[in-house]
C-alpha atoms as a PDB file:
ATOM      1  CA  UNK A   1      15.301  -5.784  -0.500  1.00  0.00           C
ATOM      2  CA  UNK A   2      13.886  -6.892  -3.839  1.00  0.00           C
ATOM      3  CA  UNK A   3      10.596  -8.744  -4.240  1.00  0.00           C
ATOM      4  CA  UNK A   4      11.003 -11.659  -6.640  1.00  0.00           C
ATOM      5  CA  UNK A   5       7.706 -12.617  -8.231  1.00  0.00           C
ATOM      6  CA  UNK A   6       6.929 -16.020  -9.640  1.00  0.00           C
ATOM      7  CA  UNK A   7       3.314 -17.135  -9.312  1.00  0.00           C
ATOM      8  CA  UNK A   8       1.262 -19.650 -11.267  1.00  0.00           C
ATOM      9  CA  UNK A   9      -2.154 -18.200 -12.131  1.00  0.00           C
ATOM     10  CA  UNK A  10      -4.803 -20.012 -14.167  1.00  0.00           C
ATOM     11  CA  UNK A  11      -2.263 -22.362 -15.770  1.00  0.00           C
ATOM     12  CA  UNK A  12      -0.012 -19.425 -16.780  1.00  0.00           C
ATOM     13  CA  UNK A  13       3.317 -18.414 -15.275  1.00  0.00           C
ATOM     14  CA  UNK A  14       4.051 -14.805 -14.362  1.00  0.00           C
ATOM     15  CA  UNK A  15       7.731 -14.171 -13.732  1.00  0.00           C
ATOM     16  CA  UNK A  16       9.639 -10.956 -13.086  1.00  0.00           C
ATOM     17  CA  UNK A  17      11.935 -10.015 -15.984  1.00  0.00           C
ATOM     18  CA  UNK A  18      14.203  -7.236 -17.168  1.00  0.00           C
ATOM     19  CA  UNK A  19      14.307  -4.343 -17.769  1.00  0.00           C
ATOM     20  CA  UNK A  20      13.893  -2.939 -14.285  1.00  0.00           C
ATOM     21  CA  UNK A  21      12.854   0.717 -14.031  1.00  0.00           C
ATOM     22  CA  UNK A  22      12.527   3.211 -11.193  1.00  0.00           C
ATOM     23  CA  UNK A  23       9.662   5.648 -10.795  1.00  0.00           C
ATOM     24  CA  UNK A  24       9.225   8.512  -8.349  1.00  0.00           C
ATOM     25  CA  UNK A  25       5.486   8.105  -8.460  1.00  0.00           C
ATOM     26  CA  UNK A  26       3.128   5.297  -9.274  1.00  0.00           C
ATOM     27  CA  UNK A  27      -0.278   4.308  -8.071  1.00  0.00           C
ATOM     28  CA  UNK A  28      -0.244   0.698  -6.888  1.00  0.00           C
ATOM     29  CA  UNK A  29      -3.294  -1.439  -6.237  1.00  0.00           C
ATOM     30  CA  UNK A  30      -3.509  -4.835  -4.555  1.00  0.00           C
ATOM     31  CA  UNK A  31      -4.576  -7.639  -6.904  1.00  0.00           C
ATOM     32  CA  UNK A  32      -6.241 -10.609  -5.248  1.00  0.00           C
ATOM     33  CA  UNK A  33      -5.095 -13.978  -6.537  1.00  0.00           C
ATOM     34  CA  UNK A  34      -5.965 -17.508  -5.494  1.00  0.00           C
ATOM     35  CA  UNK A  35      -3.018 -19.846  -5.242  1.00  0.00           C
ATOM     36  CA  UNK A  36      -3.582 -23.457  -4.204  1.00  0.00           C
ATOM     37  CA  UNK A  37      -7.066 -22.471  -3.000  1.00  0.00           C
ATOM     38  CA  UNK A  38      -5.721 -19.709  -0.746  1.00  0.00           C
ATOM     39  CA  UNK A  39      -6.315 -15.973  -1.313  1.00  0.00           C
ATOM     40  CA  UNK A  40      -3.131 -13.928  -1.594  1.00  0.00           C
ATOM     41  CA  UNK A  41      -2.367 -10.383  -2.714  1.00  0.00           C
ATOM     42  CA  UNK A  42       0.278  -8.881  -4.965  1.00  0.00           C
ATOM     43  CA  UNK A  43       0.911  -5.198  -5.781  1.00  0.00           C
ATOM     44  CA  UNK A  44       0.363  -4.121  -9.388  1.00  0.00           C
ATOM     45  CA  UNK A  45       0.819  -0.719 -11.010  1.00  0.00           C
ATOM     46  CA  UNK A  46      -2.453   1.031 -11.792  1.00  0.00           C
ATOM     47  CA  UNK A  47      -0.984   4.272 -13.154  1.00  0.00           C
ATOM     48  CA  UNK A  48       2.411   6.001 -13.404  1.00  0.00           C
ATOM     49  CA  UNK A  49       2.959   9.625 -12.355  1.00  0.00           C
ATOM     50  CA  UNK A  50       6.072  11.824 -12.451  1.00  0.00           C
ATOM     51  CA  UNK A  51       9.400  10.850 -14.018  1.00  0.00           C
ATOM     52  CA  UNK A  52      10.567   7.272 -14.424  1.00  0.00           C
ATOM     53  CA  UNK A  53      14.021   6.135 -15.482  1.00  0.00           C
ATOM     54  CA  UNK A  54      15.777   2.940 -16.518  1.00  0.00           C
ATOM     55  CA  UNK A  55      18.702   1.393 -14.638  1.00  0.00           C
ATOM     56  CA  UNK A  56      21.109   3.676 -16.526  1.00  0.00           C
ATOM     57  CA  UNK A  57      19.231   6.785 -15.361  1.00  0.00           C
ATOM     58  CA  UNK A  58      17.700   7.532 -18.777  1.00  0.00           C
ATOM     59  CA  UNK A  59      14.203   9.086 -18.534  1.00  0.00           C
ATOM     60  CA  UNK A  60      11.497   6.800 -19.948  1.00  0.00           C
ATOM     61  CA  UNK A  61       7.728   6.462 -20.120  1.00  0.00           C
ATOM     62  CA  UNK A  62       6.483   3.102 -18.838  1.00  0.00           C
ATOM     63  CA  UNK A  63       3.192   1.587 -19.965  1.00  0.00           C
ATOM     64  CA  UNK A  64       1.166  -0.493 -17.508  1.00  0.00           C
ATOM     65  CA  UNK A  65       0.173  -3.079 -20.117  1.00  0.00           C
ATOM     66  CA  UNK A  66       1.540  -4.144 -23.500  1.00  0.00           C
ATOM     67  CA  UNK A  67       1.288  -7.128 -25.825  1.00  0.00           C
ATOM     68  CA  UNK A  68       5.042  -6.872 -26.515  1.00  0.00           C
ATOM     69  CA  UNK A  69       7.826  -6.574 -23.953  1.00  0.00           C
ATOM     70  CA  UNK A  70       9.642  -3.968 -26.061  1.00  0.00           C
ATOM     71  CA  UNK A  71       6.550  -1.709 -25.938  1.00  0.00           C
ATOM     72  CA  UNK A  72       6.416  -1.567 -22.131  1.00  0.00           C
ATOM     73  CA  UNK A  73       8.880   1.343 -22.140  1.00  0.00           C
ATOM     74  CA  UNK A  74       9.195   4.242 -24.551  1.00  0.00           C
ATOM     75  CA  UNK A  75      11.949   6.858 -24.644  1.00  0.00           C
END
């Protein structure tokens, strides 16, 4: 089952996009958000460990944060 994310936070939209990658190890942390006055939680990556690969199986190095979509993954 896939989690589809689309939340409105502080007048900004955060929507899941491509590319999708797979990792054998990542540290996830819960991020608290307030949506319509109600506290909710969403998982976010804190740090990647071990090998990650793209949907074609090619090994890649994901970055947790980037100002450009193309810089989220390096090969």
